[in-house]
Protein backbone atom coordinates (compact mmCIF):
# COMPACT_ATOMS: atom_id res chain seq x y z
CA UNK A 1 -15.94 7.50 -8.29
CA UNK A 2 -14.46 6.09 -5.41
CA UNK A 3 -17.52 4.19 -4.97
CA UNK A 4 -17.29 2.57 -8.10
CA UNK A 5 -13.06 1.57 -8.23
CA UNK A 6 -12.84 0.38 -4.51
CA UNK A 7 -15.39 -2.46 -4.70
CA UNK A 8 -13.68 -3.65 -7.94
CA UNK A 9 -10.34 -3.83 -6.03
CA UNK A 10 -11.86 -5.32 -3.15
CA UNK A 11 -14.20 -7.93 -4.94
CA UNK A 12 -10.90 -8.93 -7.05
CA UNK A 13 -9.25 -9.73 -3.53
CA UNK A 14 -11.57 -11.40 -2.47
CA UNK A 15 -12.79 -13.46 -5.38
CA UNK A 16 -8.98 -13.94 -5.19
CA UNK A 17 -9.06 -15.03 -1.54
CA UNK A 18 -6.73 -12.74 -0.36
CA UNK A 19 -5.12 -14.36 3.03
CA UNK A 20 -2.66 -13.35 5.32
CA UNK A 21 1.14 -13.42 4.47
CA UNK A 22 -0.47 -14.23 0.39
CA UNK A 23 1.92 -12.92 -2.25
CA UNK A 24 -0.53 -10.85 -5.09
CA UNK A 25 0.92 -9.55 -8.22
CA UNK A 26 -1.77 -6.75 -9.71
CA UNK A 27 -1.75 -6.11 -13.20
CA UNK A 28 -2.20 -2.28 -13.84
CA UNK A 29 -1.50 0.53 -11.76
CA UNK A 30 -4.62 2.59 -12.90
CA UNK A 31 -7.13 3.91 -10.10
CA UNK A 32 -8.65 -0.12 -9.86
CA UNK A 33 -5.27 -1.26 -10.14
CA UNK A 34 -3.94 1.47 -6.89
CA UNK A 35 -7.20 -0.12 -4.65
CA UNK A 36 -7.01 -3.51 -5.48
CA UNK A 37 -3.30 -3.47 -4.25
CA UNK A 38 -4.59 -1.20 -1.34
CA UNK A 39 -7.55 -4.24 -0.64
CA UNK A 40 -5.01 -6.79 -1.03
CA UNK A 41 -2.80 -5.39 2.04
CA UNK A 42 -6.35 -4.59 3.96
CA UNK A 43 -7.26 -8.69 3.89
CA UNK A 44 -3.60 -9.38 4.99
CA UNK A 45 -1.58 -9.98 1.87
CA UNK A 46 1.89 -9.98 2.75
CA UNK A 47 3.67 -9.07 -0.04
CA UNK A 48 1.71 -6.63 -2.95
CA UNK A 49 3.50 -6.15 -6.48
CA UNK A 50 2.10 -4.47 -9.65
CA UNK A 51 2.83 -4.11 -12.83
CA UNK A 52 2.59 -1.34 -15.35
CA UNK A 53 4.63 0.71 -17.55
CA UNK A 54 3.72 4.26 -16.35
CA UNK A 55 6.10 5.98 -14.48
CA UNK A 56 3.76 8.69 -12.36
CA UNK A 57 1.94 5.59 -11.09
CA UNK A 58 4.36 3.33 -10.48
CA UNK A 59 6.01 6.12 -8.33
CA UNK A 60 2.60 6.44 -6.34
CA UNK A 61 2.68 2.71 -5.96
CA UNK A 62 5.72 2.37 -4.44
CA UNK A 63 4.06 5.27 -1.71
CA UNK A 64 1.40 2.79 -0.78
CA UNK A 65 4.86 0.28 0.07
CA UNK A 66 3.88 -2.38 -3.36
CA UNK A 67 6.86 -3.25 -5.25
CA UNK A 68 6.70 -2.61 -8.54
CA UNK A 69 7.68 -3.72 -12.28
CA UNK A 70 8.13 -1.83 -15.05
CA UNK A 71 7.03 -3.76 -17.79
CA UNK A 72 9.26 -1.15 -20.27
CA UNK A 73 12.41 -2.20 -18.29
CA UNK A 74 11.73 -5.67 -17.55
CA UNK A 75 9.83 -8.74 -18.66
CA UNK A 76 7.15 -8.70 -16.12
CA UNK A 77 6.69 -12.68 -15.95
CA UNK A 78 10.71 -13.15 -15.17
CA UNK A 79 10.47 -10.02 -13.00
CA UNK A 80 7.35 -12.22 -10.84
CA UNK A 81 9.73 -15.12 -10.98
CA UNK A 82 12.85 -13.53 -9.82
CA UNK A 83 10.72 -11.44 -6.77
CA UNK A 84 8.97 -14.48 -5.52
CA UNK A 85 11.10 -17.97 -5.74
CA UNK A 86 9.23 -18.88 -8.68
CA UNK A 87 5.78 -19.03 -6.04
CA UNK A 88 2.88 -19.04 -8.37
CA UNK A 89 3.94 -18.95 -11.65
CA UNK A 90 4.09 -21.80 -14.20
């Protein structure tokens, strides 16, 4: 299974051209989202924010040093704007 989901997360980070110091938002903390967050870190992202509504998945993400946004508790668009100072948001 890892041979399928890890390359998916890696390729997503490559398509997004993640680089040194970037702030990345991952939508979904399931298996692909978790590995996308890991891939972002490996490719140099300075901060990784991940949005999900499942408490267990968000806890797993926090253990990987990603910042979490629970869409059940807050508006993810506003949270991203606040956490990034508006970087990359319209």
